[in-house]
Each structure stands twice: as structure tokens, then as C-alpha cells.
N, C-alpha and C. Protein backbone atom coordinates (compact mmCIF):
# COMPACT_ATOMS: atom_id res chain seq x y z
N MET A 1 101.89 118.59 80.91
CA MET A 1 101.50 117.94 82.15
C MET A 1 100.25 117.12 81.93
N ASN A 2 99.24 117.66 81.18
CA ASN A 2 98.05 116.90 80.89
C ASN A 2 98.35 115.64 80.09
N TYR A 3 99.34 115.78 79.18
CA TYR A 3 99.73 114.60 78.36
C TYR A 3 100.29 113.52 79.26
N ILE A 4 101.11 113.91 80.23
CA ILE A 4 101.72 112.93 81.14
C ILE A 4 100.62 112.26 81.97
N LYS A 5 99.65 113.02 82.44
CA LYS A 5 98.56 112.45 83.23
C LYS A 5 97.73 111.50 82.40
N THR A 6 97.49 111.88 81.14
CA THR A 6 96.72 111.01 80.27
C THR A 6 97.45 109.73 79.99
N LEU A 7 98.78 109.86 79.76
CA LEU A 7 99.60 108.67 79.49
C LEU A 7 99.62 107.74 80.69
N ALA A 8 99.74 108.32 81.87
CA ALA A 8 99.75 107.53 83.08
C ALA A 8 98.39 106.82 83.29
N ALA A 9 97.31 107.53 83.01
CA ALA A 9 96.00 106.93 83.15
C ALA A 9 95.82 105.78 82.17
N ALA A 10 96.26 105.95 80.95
CA ALA A 10 96.17 104.91 79.96
C ALA A 10 96.98 103.70 80.37
N ALA A 11 98.20 103.96 80.88
CA ALA A 11 99.03 102.87 81.35
C ALA A 11 98.38 102.13 82.52
N ALA A 12 97.72 102.86 83.36
CA ALA A 12 97.03 102.25 84.51
C ALA A 12 95.93 101.30 84.04
N ILE A 13 95.15 101.73 83.04
CA ILE A 13 94.09 100.91 82.49
C ILE A 13 94.65 99.62 81.88
N ILE A 14 95.75 99.80 81.10
CA ILE A 14 96.39 98.63 80.48
C ILE A 14 96.86 97.67 81.54
N PHE A 15 97.47 98.21 82.58
CA PHE A 15 98.00 97.36 83.64
C PHE A 15 96.89 96.61 84.36
N ILE A 16 95.78 97.31 84.63
CA ILE A 16 94.68 96.68 85.34
C ILE A 16 94.07 95.54 84.50
N LEU A 17 93.93 95.79 83.18
CA LEU A 17 93.42 94.75 82.31
C LEU A 17 94.36 93.58 82.29
N GLY A 18 95.65 93.82 82.21
CA GLY A 18 96.66 92.76 82.20
C GLY A 18 96.61 92.01 83.53
N PHE A 19 96.44 92.72 84.60
CA PHE A 19 96.39 92.10 85.93
C PHE A 19 95.21 91.16 86.02
N THR A 20 94.08 91.54 85.42
CA THR A 20 92.89 90.69 85.45
C THR A 20 93.17 89.37 84.75
N GLU A 21 93.87 89.44 83.65
CA GLU A 21 94.22 88.21 82.93
C GLU A 21 95.18 87.36 83.79
N LYS A 22 96.16 88.01 84.42
CA LYS A 22 97.13 87.27 85.19
C LYS A 22 96.49 86.62 86.42
N ALA A 23 95.45 87.24 86.92
CA ALA A 23 94.80 86.70 88.11
C ALA A 23 94.23 85.31 87.83
N GLU A 24 93.97 84.99 86.57
CA GLU A 24 93.45 83.68 86.22
C GLU A 24 94.47 82.60 86.53
N ALA A 25 95.74 83.02 86.67
CA ALA A 25 96.79 82.04 87.01
C ALA A 25 96.66 81.48 88.39
N SER A 26 95.64 82.01 89.15
CA SER A 26 95.42 81.55 90.51
C SER A 26 94.87 80.12 90.52
N ARG A 27 94.37 79.61 89.37
CA ARG A 27 93.98 78.19 89.32
C ARG A 27 95.23 77.35 89.44
N HIS A 28 95.09 76.12 89.91
CA HIS A 28 96.28 75.30 90.12
C HIS A 28 96.94 74.88 88.82
N LEU A 29 98.25 75.09 88.77
CA LEU A 29 99.05 74.69 87.60
C LEU A 29 100.09 73.70 88.06
N ASP A 30 100.32 72.67 87.27
CA ASP A 30 101.32 71.66 87.64
C ASP A 30 101.82 71.01 86.37
N VAL A 31 102.71 70.03 86.53
CA VAL A 31 103.27 69.36 85.34
C VAL A 31 102.17 68.82 84.45
N GLY A 32 102.25 69.19 83.17
CA GLY A 32 101.24 68.80 82.20
C GLY A 32 100.29 69.93 81.84
N SER A 33 100.26 71.01 82.66
CA SER A 33 99.38 72.18 82.37
C SER A 33 99.93 72.90 81.13
N THR A 34 99.04 73.54 80.38
CA THR A 34 99.45 74.32 79.23
C THR A 34 98.64 75.59 79.16
N GLY A 35 99.10 76.57 78.32
CA GLY A 35 98.31 77.75 78.09
C GLY A 35 98.99 79.03 78.51
N GLN A 36 98.24 80.13 78.40
CA GLN A 36 98.78 81.46 78.68
C GLN A 36 99.16 81.64 80.14
N ASP A 37 98.42 80.98 81.05
CA ASP A 37 98.78 81.07 82.47
C ASP A 37 100.17 80.54 82.69
N VAL A 38 100.48 79.42 82.03
CA VAL A 38 101.82 78.81 82.19
C VAL A 38 102.87 79.74 81.61
N THR A 39 102.57 80.34 80.46
CA THR A 39 103.51 81.28 79.86
C THR A 39 103.81 82.44 80.78
N TYR A 40 102.76 82.96 81.43
CA TYR A 40 102.97 84.06 82.37
C TYR A 40 103.84 83.63 83.54
N ILE A 41 103.55 82.46 84.12
CA ILE A 41 104.37 81.95 85.19
C ILE A 41 105.84 81.85 84.78
N GLN A 42 106.06 81.27 83.61
CA GLN A 42 107.43 81.11 83.11
C GLN A 42 108.09 82.45 82.89
N SER A 43 107.36 83.42 82.35
CA SER A 43 107.96 84.75 82.13
C SER A 43 108.35 85.43 83.42
N MET A 44 107.52 85.28 84.46
CA MET A 44 107.85 85.86 85.77
C MET A 44 109.06 85.16 86.35
N LEU A 45 109.09 83.84 86.28
CA LEU A 45 110.24 83.11 86.82
C LEU A 45 111.52 83.47 86.06
N LYS A 46 111.41 83.73 84.79
CA LYS A 46 112.56 84.14 83.99
C LYS A 46 113.09 85.48 84.44
N LYS A 47 112.18 86.46 84.67
CA LYS A 47 112.58 87.77 85.13
C LYS A 47 113.29 87.71 86.49
N LEU A 48 112.89 86.73 87.29
CA LEU A 48 113.45 86.60 88.62
C LEU A 48 114.70 85.73 88.63
N GLY A 49 115.08 85.18 87.45
CA GLY A 49 116.30 84.40 87.34
C GLY A 49 116.16 82.93 87.64
N TYR A 50 114.94 82.40 87.63
CA TYR A 50 114.74 80.99 87.94
C TYR A 50 114.53 80.12 86.69
N PHE A 51 114.06 80.74 85.62
CA PHE A 51 113.68 79.97 84.41
C PHE A 51 114.62 80.46 83.28
N ASN A 52 115.62 79.65 82.96
CA ASN A 52 116.69 80.11 82.08
C ASN A 52 116.57 79.54 80.67
N THR A 53 115.36 79.51 80.15
CA THR A 53 115.13 79.08 78.76
C THR A 53 113.93 79.85 78.23
N ASP A 54 113.58 79.58 76.99
CA ASP A 54 112.44 80.29 76.38
C ASP A 54 111.12 79.82 76.98
N THR A 55 110.17 80.76 77.10
CA THR A 55 108.85 80.37 77.56
C THR A 55 108.17 79.50 76.52
N THR A 56 107.45 78.48 76.96
CA THR A 56 106.81 77.55 76.04
C THR A 56 105.30 77.42 76.22
N GLY A 57 104.81 77.79 77.38
CA GLY A 57 103.41 77.57 77.67
C GLY A 57 103.10 76.14 78.10
N TYR A 58 104.15 75.33 78.26
CA TYR A 58 104.00 73.95 78.71
C TYR A 58 104.69 73.79 80.08
N TYR A 59 103.97 73.28 81.05
CA TYR A 59 104.50 73.12 82.40
C TYR A 59 105.16 71.75 82.51
N GLY A 60 106.47 71.75 82.33
CA GLY A 60 107.26 70.51 82.40
C GLY A 60 108.14 70.50 83.62
N PRO A 61 109.08 69.55 83.68
CA PRO A 61 109.98 69.43 84.82
C PRO A 61 110.85 70.66 85.04
N ILE A 62 111.27 71.35 83.98
CA ILE A 62 112.09 72.56 84.12
C ILE A 62 111.27 73.64 84.85
N THR A 63 110.02 73.82 84.45
CA THR A 63 109.18 74.78 85.11
C THR A 63 108.94 74.41 86.57
N ALA A 64 108.68 73.14 86.81
CA ALA A 64 108.44 72.68 88.18
C ALA A 64 109.65 72.94 89.07
N SER A 65 110.85 72.66 88.53
CA SER A 65 112.07 72.92 89.30
C SER A 65 112.27 74.38 89.60
N ALA A 66 111.95 75.24 88.62
CA ALA A 66 112.07 76.70 88.80
C ALA A 66 111.07 77.17 89.87
N VAL A 67 109.87 76.62 89.83
CA VAL A 67 108.83 76.99 90.80
C VAL A 67 109.28 76.58 92.21
N GLU A 68 109.85 75.40 92.33
CA GLU A 68 110.32 74.93 93.64
C GLU A 68 111.37 75.87 94.22
N GLN A 69 112.30 76.30 93.40
CA GLN A 69 113.36 77.21 93.88
C GLN A 69 112.75 78.55 94.27
N PHE A 70 111.81 79.05 93.48
CA PHE A 70 111.12 80.31 93.81
C PHE A 70 110.40 80.17 95.13
N GLN A 71 109.66 79.08 95.30
CA GLN A 71 108.92 78.87 96.54
C GLN A 71 109.85 78.81 97.74
N GLN A 72 110.97 78.16 97.57
CA GLN A 72 111.94 78.07 98.69
C GLN A 72 112.48 79.45 99.04
N ASP A 73 112.85 80.25 98.06
CA ASP A 73 113.45 81.56 98.29
C ASP A 73 112.45 82.56 98.81
N PHE A 74 111.21 82.45 98.40
CA PHE A 74 110.18 83.44 98.75
C PHE A 74 109.30 82.99 99.91
N GLY A 75 109.66 81.89 100.55
CA GLY A 75 108.98 81.50 101.78
C GLY A 75 107.63 80.87 101.59
N ALA A 76 107.40 80.24 100.43
CA ALA A 76 106.14 79.55 100.17
C ALA A 76 106.35 78.04 100.35
N GLU A 77 105.25 77.30 100.51
CA GLU A 77 105.35 75.86 100.61
C GLU A 77 105.93 75.32 99.30
N VAL A 78 106.94 74.48 99.42
CA VAL A 78 107.64 73.96 98.23
C VAL A 78 106.89 72.73 97.71
N THR A 79 106.16 72.93 96.60
CA THR A 79 105.38 71.86 96.01
C THR A 79 105.73 71.63 94.53
N GLY A 80 106.31 72.64 93.89
CA GLY A 80 106.59 72.54 92.47
C GLY A 80 105.37 72.88 91.62
N GLY A 81 104.23 73.04 92.24
CA GLY A 81 103.01 73.45 91.50
C GLY A 81 102.65 74.87 91.91
N VAL A 82 101.82 75.53 91.10
CA VAL A 82 101.43 76.88 91.34
C VAL A 82 99.93 76.93 91.67
N GLY A 83 99.63 77.13 92.95
CA GLY A 83 98.28 77.38 93.40
C GLY A 83 98.09 78.83 93.69
N PRO A 84 96.96 79.20 94.33
CA PRO A 84 96.70 80.62 94.61
C PRO A 84 97.77 81.34 95.39
N LYS A 85 98.38 80.69 96.40
CA LYS A 85 99.38 81.37 97.22
C LYS A 85 100.68 81.66 96.45
N THR A 86 101.12 80.69 95.65
CA THR A 86 102.34 80.94 94.86
C THR A 86 102.06 81.94 93.77
N ALA A 87 100.87 81.89 93.16
CA ALA A 87 100.52 82.87 92.13
C ALA A 87 100.50 84.30 92.75
N GLU A 88 99.97 84.39 93.95
CA GLU A 88 99.93 85.69 94.64
C GLU A 88 101.37 86.19 94.91
N MET A 89 102.26 85.27 95.31
CA MET A 89 103.62 85.69 95.59
C MET A 89 104.34 86.14 94.29
N LEU A 90 104.10 85.46 93.20
CA LEU A 90 104.66 85.91 91.92
C LEU A 90 104.11 87.30 91.55
N ASN A 91 102.84 87.52 91.78
CA ASN A 91 102.25 88.82 91.51
C ASN A 91 102.86 89.88 92.43
N ASN A 92 103.06 89.53 93.72
CA ASN A 92 103.66 90.47 94.64
C ASN A 92 105.06 90.86 94.18
N ALA A 93 105.82 89.91 93.64
CA ALA A 93 107.15 90.21 93.12
C ALA A 93 107.08 91.24 92.00
N GLU A 94 106.07 91.10 91.14
CA GLU A 94 105.95 92.08 90.06
C GLU A 94 105.52 93.45 90.61
N LEU A 95 104.59 93.48 91.55
CA LEU A 95 104.16 94.76 92.13
C LEU A 95 105.38 95.46 92.75
N MET A 96 106.22 94.74 93.49
CA MET A 96 107.38 95.33 94.11
C MET A 96 108.39 95.80 93.06
N ALA A 97 108.59 95.02 92.01
CA ALA A 97 109.52 95.40 90.97
C ALA A 97 109.07 96.72 90.31
N ARG A 98 107.77 96.90 90.16
CA ARG A 98 107.25 98.15 89.59
C ARG A 98 107.55 99.35 90.48
N VAL A 99 107.41 99.15 91.81
CA VAL A 99 107.76 100.22 92.73
C VAL A 99 109.25 100.54 92.69
N VAL A 100 110.08 99.49 92.71
CA VAL A 100 111.51 99.69 92.66
C VAL A 100 111.93 100.42 91.40
N HIS A 101 111.39 99.99 90.27
CA HIS A 101 111.75 100.62 89.01
C HIS A 101 111.23 102.06 88.96
N GLY A 102 110.03 102.28 89.41
CA GLY A 102 109.43 103.64 89.38
C GLY A 102 110.08 104.59 90.35
N GLU A 103 110.55 104.10 91.49
CA GLU A 103 111.09 104.97 92.53
C GLU A 103 112.61 105.08 92.49
N ALA A 104 113.31 104.07 91.98
CA ALA A 104 114.78 104.04 92.19
C ALA A 104 115.57 103.53 91.00
N ARG A 105 115.02 103.57 89.79
CA ARG A 105 115.78 103.01 88.68
C ARG A 105 117.04 103.75 88.37
N GLY A 106 117.17 104.98 88.81
CA GLY A 106 118.41 105.73 88.58
C GLY A 106 119.41 105.56 89.69
N GLU A 107 119.05 104.78 90.72
CA GLU A 107 119.92 104.58 91.86
C GLU A 107 120.81 103.35 91.67
N SER A 108 121.77 103.16 92.56
CA SER A 108 122.62 101.96 92.51
C SER A 108 121.80 100.72 92.77
N TYR A 109 122.38 99.56 92.48
CA TYR A 109 121.67 98.32 92.76
C TYR A 109 121.36 98.17 94.25
N GLU A 110 122.31 98.53 95.09
CA GLU A 110 122.07 98.50 96.54
C GLU A 110 120.90 99.38 96.93
N GLY A 111 120.79 100.54 96.30
CA GLY A 111 119.68 101.45 96.58
C GLY A 111 118.35 100.88 96.15
N GLN A 112 118.35 100.11 95.06
CA GLN A 112 117.12 99.49 94.62
C GLN A 112 116.68 98.36 95.55
N VAL A 113 117.67 97.57 96.01
CA VAL A 113 117.36 96.52 96.97
C VAL A 113 116.79 97.14 98.27
N ALA A 114 117.35 98.26 98.66
CA ALA A 114 116.89 98.92 99.88
C ALA A 114 115.46 99.37 99.78
N VAL A 115 115.04 99.84 98.61
CA VAL A 115 113.65 100.23 98.41
C VAL A 115 112.73 99.02 98.51
N ALA A 116 113.15 97.91 97.92
CA ALA A 116 112.35 96.68 98.03
C ALA A 116 112.28 96.24 99.49
N ALA A 117 113.38 96.35 100.23
CA ALA A 117 113.39 95.96 101.63
C ALA A 117 112.45 96.81 102.46
N VAL A 118 112.35 98.09 102.13
CA VAL A 118 111.43 98.96 102.86
C VAL A 118 110.00 98.44 102.76
N ILE A 119 109.61 97.98 101.59
CA ILE A 119 108.27 97.43 101.40
C ILE A 119 108.04 96.25 102.33
N LEU A 120 109.02 95.33 102.35
CA LEU A 120 108.90 94.17 103.23
C LEU A 120 108.90 94.58 104.69
N ASN A 121 109.71 95.56 105.04
CA ASN A 121 109.76 96.02 106.42
C ASN A 121 108.40 96.63 106.86
N ARG A 122 107.75 97.31 105.93
CA ARG A 122 106.44 97.86 106.24
C ARG A 122 105.41 96.75 106.49
N VAL A 123 105.47 95.69 105.72
CA VAL A 123 104.55 94.59 105.90
C VAL A 123 104.72 94.02 107.33
N GLN A 124 105.95 93.98 107.82
CA GLN A 124 106.24 93.42 109.14
C GLN A 124 105.92 94.41 110.25
N SER A 125 105.78 95.67 109.94
CA SER A 125 105.55 96.69 110.95
C SER A 125 104.07 96.82 111.28
N SER A 126 103.77 97.00 112.57
CA SER A 126 102.37 97.17 113.00
C SER A 126 101.80 98.53 112.59
N ASP A 127 102.66 99.42 112.08
CA ASP A 127 102.21 100.73 111.67
C ASP A 127 101.72 100.79 110.25
N PHE A 128 101.83 99.67 109.54
CA PHE A 128 101.46 99.61 108.12
C PHE A 128 100.58 98.43 107.85
N PRO A 129 99.93 98.40 106.66
CA PRO A 129 99.11 97.23 106.32
C PRO A 129 99.90 95.93 106.35
N ASP A 130 99.18 94.83 106.31
CA ASP A 130 99.79 93.50 106.52
C ASP A 130 100.14 92.76 105.26
N SER A 131 99.83 93.33 104.11
CA SER A 131 100.14 92.64 102.86
C SER A 131 100.94 93.56 101.92
N ILE A 132 101.66 92.95 100.98
CA ILE A 132 102.49 93.73 100.06
C ILE A 132 101.63 94.64 99.20
N SER A 133 100.53 94.13 98.67
CA SER A 133 99.69 94.95 97.79
C SER A 133 99.09 96.13 98.58
N GLU A 134 98.67 95.87 99.82
CA GLU A 134 98.07 96.95 100.64
C GLU A 134 99.13 98.00 100.97
N VAL A 135 100.33 97.57 101.26
CA VAL A 135 101.42 98.51 101.54
C VAL A 135 101.69 99.40 100.32
N ILE A 136 101.77 98.77 99.16
CA ILE A 136 102.11 99.51 97.94
C ILE A 136 101.01 100.48 97.56
N PHE A 137 99.76 100.10 97.71
CA PHE A 137 98.67 100.97 97.27
C PHE A 137 98.06 101.76 98.41
N GLN A 138 98.70 101.80 99.57
CA GLN A 138 98.26 102.68 100.63
C GLN A 138 98.34 104.12 100.09
N PRO A 139 97.30 104.93 100.28
CA PRO A 139 97.27 106.27 99.72
C PRO A 139 98.52 107.09 100.04
N ASN A 140 99.14 107.63 99.01
CA ASN A 140 100.31 108.54 99.12
C ASN A 140 101.51 107.85 99.73
N ALA A 141 101.59 106.52 99.67
CA ALA A 141 102.75 105.83 100.25
C ALA A 141 103.94 105.93 99.34
N PHE A 142 103.75 105.89 98.03
CA PHE A 142 104.84 105.89 97.07
C PHE A 142 104.57 106.87 95.93
N THR A 143 105.54 107.74 95.68
CA THR A 143 105.42 108.77 94.65
C THR A 143 105.13 108.13 93.30
N ALA A 144 105.74 106.99 93.03
CA ALA A 144 105.59 106.36 91.71
C ALA A 144 104.15 105.99 91.40
N ILE A 145 103.36 105.71 92.44
CA ILE A 145 101.95 105.41 92.24
C ILE A 145 101.22 106.67 91.79
N ASN A 146 101.53 107.76 92.44
CA ASN A 146 100.83 109.01 92.17
C ASN A 146 101.19 109.62 90.84
N ASP A 147 102.46 109.50 90.41
CA ASP A 147 102.84 110.16 89.15
C ASP A 147 102.84 109.21 87.95
N GLY A 148 102.44 107.96 88.18
CA GLY A 148 102.30 107.04 87.04
C GLY A 148 103.54 106.23 86.68
N GLN A 149 104.68 106.51 87.30
CA GLN A 149 105.87 105.77 86.96
C GLN A 149 105.82 104.32 87.39
N TYR A 150 104.90 104.01 88.32
CA TYR A 150 104.68 102.63 88.72
C TYR A 150 104.28 101.74 87.53
N TYR A 151 103.62 102.35 86.58
CA TYR A 151 103.06 101.58 85.46
C TYR A 151 104.06 101.36 84.32
N LEU A 152 105.30 101.88 84.50
CA LEU A 152 106.35 101.57 83.54
C LEU A 152 106.73 100.10 83.67
N GLN A 153 107.23 99.50 82.60
CA GLN A 153 107.64 98.11 82.66
C GLN A 153 108.96 97.99 83.40
N PRO A 154 109.00 97.29 84.51
CA PRO A 154 110.26 97.17 85.28
C PRO A 154 111.30 96.33 84.53
N ASP A 155 112.59 96.69 84.70
CA ASP A 155 113.64 95.96 84.03
C ASP A 155 114.09 94.79 84.89
N SER A 156 115.04 94.00 84.38
CA SER A 156 115.48 92.84 85.11
C SER A 156 116.18 93.18 86.42
N THR A 157 116.82 94.36 86.49
CA THR A 157 117.49 94.79 87.71
C THR A 157 116.50 94.94 88.85
N ALA A 158 115.33 95.49 88.56
CA ALA A 158 114.30 95.69 89.60
C ALA A 158 113.83 94.34 90.12
N PHE A 159 113.67 93.37 89.25
CA PHE A 159 113.23 92.05 89.70
C PHE A 159 114.33 91.38 90.55
N ARG A 160 115.57 91.54 90.13
CA ARG A 160 116.68 90.97 90.94
C ARG A 160 116.74 91.61 92.31
N ALA A 161 116.47 92.91 92.36
CA ALA A 161 116.50 93.62 93.64
C ALA A 161 115.42 93.10 94.56
N VAL A 162 114.24 92.83 94.02
CA VAL A 162 113.18 92.26 94.81
C VAL A 162 113.56 90.89 95.36
N LYS A 163 114.14 90.08 94.49
CA LYS A 163 114.57 88.74 94.89
C LYS A 163 115.61 88.82 96.01
N ASP A 164 116.58 89.71 95.89
CA ASP A 164 117.59 89.82 96.93
C ASP A 164 117.00 90.28 98.25
N ALA A 165 116.01 91.17 98.17
CA ALA A 165 115.36 91.62 99.41
C ALA A 165 114.64 90.46 100.07
N PHE A 166 113.96 89.62 99.30
CA PHE A 166 113.31 88.45 99.86
C PHE A 166 114.30 87.47 100.44
N LEU A 167 115.47 87.40 99.87
CA LEU A 167 116.52 86.50 100.37
C LEU A 167 117.18 87.01 101.61
N GLY A 168 116.78 88.25 102.07
CA GLY A 168 117.26 88.74 103.35
C GLY A 168 118.20 89.91 103.35
N TRP A 169 118.58 90.42 102.15
CA TRP A 169 119.47 91.56 102.11
C TRP A 169 118.67 92.82 102.39
N ASP A 170 119.06 93.58 103.38
CA ASP A 170 118.35 94.82 103.72
C ASP A 170 119.35 95.95 103.93
N PRO A 171 119.73 96.63 102.86
CA PRO A 171 120.65 97.76 102.99
C PRO A 171 120.04 98.95 103.72
N SER A 172 118.71 98.88 103.94
CA SER A 172 118.06 100.02 104.66
C SER A 172 118.15 99.84 106.16
N TYR A 173 118.64 98.68 106.63
CA TYR A 173 118.79 98.40 108.07
C TYR A 173 117.47 98.53 108.81
N GLY A 174 116.43 97.93 108.24
CA GLY A 174 115.14 97.89 108.94
C GLY A 174 114.27 99.13 108.74
N SER A 175 114.63 100.00 107.85
CA SER A 175 113.86 101.24 107.64
C SER A 175 112.49 100.97 107.05
N VAL A 176 111.56 101.85 107.40
CA VAL A 176 110.21 101.79 106.81
C VAL A 176 109.92 103.05 105.99
N TYR A 177 110.89 103.95 105.91
CA TYR A 177 110.75 105.16 105.10
C TYR A 177 112.02 105.40 104.29
N TYR A 178 111.87 106.11 103.21
CA TYR A 178 113.02 106.65 102.48
C TYR A 178 112.60 107.92 101.78
N TYR A 179 113.53 108.80 101.57
CA TYR A 179 113.19 110.08 100.93
C TYR A 179 114.43 110.71 100.33
N ASN A 180 114.21 111.56 99.37
CA ASN A 180 115.30 112.37 98.80
C ASN A 180 115.26 113.73 99.47
N PRO A 181 116.28 114.07 100.26
CA PRO A 181 116.25 115.33 101.01
C PRO A 181 116.20 116.56 100.12
N GLU A 182 116.57 116.45 98.86
CA GLU A 182 116.52 117.60 97.96
C GLU A 182 115.12 117.81 97.40
N LEU A 183 114.26 116.80 97.52
CA LEU A 183 112.93 116.88 96.94
C LEU A 183 111.82 116.84 97.97
N ALA A 184 112.10 116.30 99.14
CA ALA A 184 111.04 116.14 100.18
C ALA A 184 110.55 117.49 100.65
N THR A 185 109.23 117.64 100.71
CA THR A 185 108.62 118.89 101.16
C THR A 185 107.87 118.74 102.50
N ASP A 186 107.63 117.50 102.89
CA ASP A 186 106.97 117.26 104.18
C ASP A 186 108.02 117.28 105.29
N GLN A 187 107.92 118.27 106.15
CA GLN A 187 108.93 118.41 107.20
C GLN A 187 108.91 117.26 108.21
N TRP A 188 107.79 116.55 108.27
CA TRP A 188 107.69 115.46 109.24
C TRP A 188 108.74 114.38 108.97
N ILE A 189 109.04 114.14 107.71
CA ILE A 189 109.97 113.06 107.39
C ILE A 189 111.36 113.31 107.96
N TYR A 190 111.68 114.57 108.20
CA TYR A 190 113.00 114.91 108.75
C TYR A 190 113.10 114.60 110.23
N THR A 191 111.96 114.25 110.85
CA THR A 191 111.99 113.90 112.28
C THR A 191 112.33 112.42 112.47
N ARG A 192 112.39 111.66 111.39
CA ARG A 192 112.65 110.23 111.50
C ARG A 192 114.16 109.97 111.64
N THR A 193 114.48 108.86 112.28
CA THR A 193 115.88 108.48 112.49
C THR A 193 116.46 107.86 111.23
N VAL A 194 117.48 108.47 110.69
CA VAL A 194 118.14 107.98 109.47
C VAL A 194 119.06 106.81 109.80
N THR A 195 118.90 105.71 109.06
CA THR A 195 119.74 104.53 109.25
C THR A 195 120.83 104.40 108.23
N ASN A 196 120.59 104.94 107.04
CA ASN A 196 121.57 104.81 105.97
C ASN A 196 121.27 105.82 104.86
N GLN A 197 122.29 106.18 104.12
CA GLN A 197 122.14 107.01 102.94
C GLN A 197 122.75 106.25 101.76
N ILE A 198 121.93 106.03 100.76
CA ILE A 198 122.38 105.32 99.54
C ILE A 198 121.99 106.16 98.35
N GLY A 199 122.96 106.70 97.67
CA GLY A 199 122.68 107.58 96.53
C GLY A 199 121.89 108.79 96.98
N ASN A 200 120.76 109.04 96.31
CA ASN A 200 119.95 110.21 96.62
C ASN A 200 118.95 110.00 97.75
N HIS A 201 118.87 108.79 98.24
CA HIS A 201 117.87 108.44 99.25
C HIS A 201 118.43 108.35 100.64
N HIS A 202 117.70 108.92 101.60
CA HIS A 202 117.93 108.65 103.01
C HIS A 202 116.91 107.61 103.45
N PHE A 203 117.38 106.60 104.21
CA PHE A 203 116.47 105.56 104.71
C PHE A 203 116.31 105.77 106.22
N ALA A 204 115.08 105.62 106.70
CA ALA A 204 114.83 105.96 108.09
C ALA A 204 113.67 105.12 108.66
N TYR A 205 113.55 105.22 109.98
CA TYR A 205 112.43 104.55 110.65
C TYR A 205 111.76 105.50 111.63
């Protein structure tokens, strides 16, 4: 158990350091830009299915077109360039993919999309914080944060699930909670109205 906690702590430190580097991508990037920030943007777009070639670190027309499609699907202003708001949205997609992978990687694809949808539903609910990052890091909101599974590298399925949730698919039917009835110990969760059951998870509001 101590080894697992140590491993999770180390992964958290690595992730935080990586996140600091990625935050530099908040400077404006556009056609002609080069460097690690561009490589990061391209790698994120590739995971989400928008950038279908090798990362180059050069911001050309292919990258601009991929950014435009991402902005359109994720509800950002369509400019083809990456400023602070688009960079934040790309980061939000990664944060959500980490939750989906940590919480539901053993579930069906529909179940993974439903977990992503719950995060978005919480952002829209007056009972939860107003941003994706605040929802995810709200104390004790997600088991994966507490046990370190959040810091595992999410696979392409998790990213696709996040994308589909942003595109409007909500298999949870508006739920803001989900739980495994075989593992849940808090009796309060059983007082919530169940909207759907997908795999091992019950979704509720």
C-alpha cells in the first residue's frame, strides 16, 4: 500500500511539472509558430482525432485546420489559432480524459462517454463548481484523484469519449453522479434518482 501511495505521489509530481510546461502553450500560436508548444498542441489534437499525421513542431495549414475543427466541436471561437482560451480547452480535454481513464477504463465505450458527460453536467449544475478543472479537483469528487489512478496516461479511447461528450452524447441522461453499487459505502448516494445503468456504474442525479 505504501508503494502504491509513493508511486501515485511521484506520478502527481511528474504530472504537475508537465502541466507547468504545457501551460506555456497559453501564449498565442498561429501559422508559422514553432517549438515544443506547437508539438504539444499537435499531440493533443492527434489524441482527439483531429491531427492525422506526425507531430512536427511547426504550425502550418494542417495544424490550423485541425485547430479550427477542434474549436468548432468544443464550442470555442473558430480562429485557427491557439490563444489562452483554446489552450485551456485542450488542457480541459486532457484533464477529463484522465478522469475517464482512471474511473472507467474497464467499462464499455458508452460507459466512458457517460463519465465524461457527468463532468460536463456538473459544470452546468448550480450545485457544483463552474469550471471543468474545479469540478475535477473538488475534494473527494472522484476516486481516481484520491487513489492516484488519475495520473495514469489516458488511452485514445478516453480522449474519444471526452470528444463525444462535448459533441452532445450523454448516455447518463443528465446525471451528475455515478457509482458502483458493489463498492459504494456512502448510503447517501443510494437516495439519488438513477437514470441509467451502464456496466458496473449507476448514473444518477
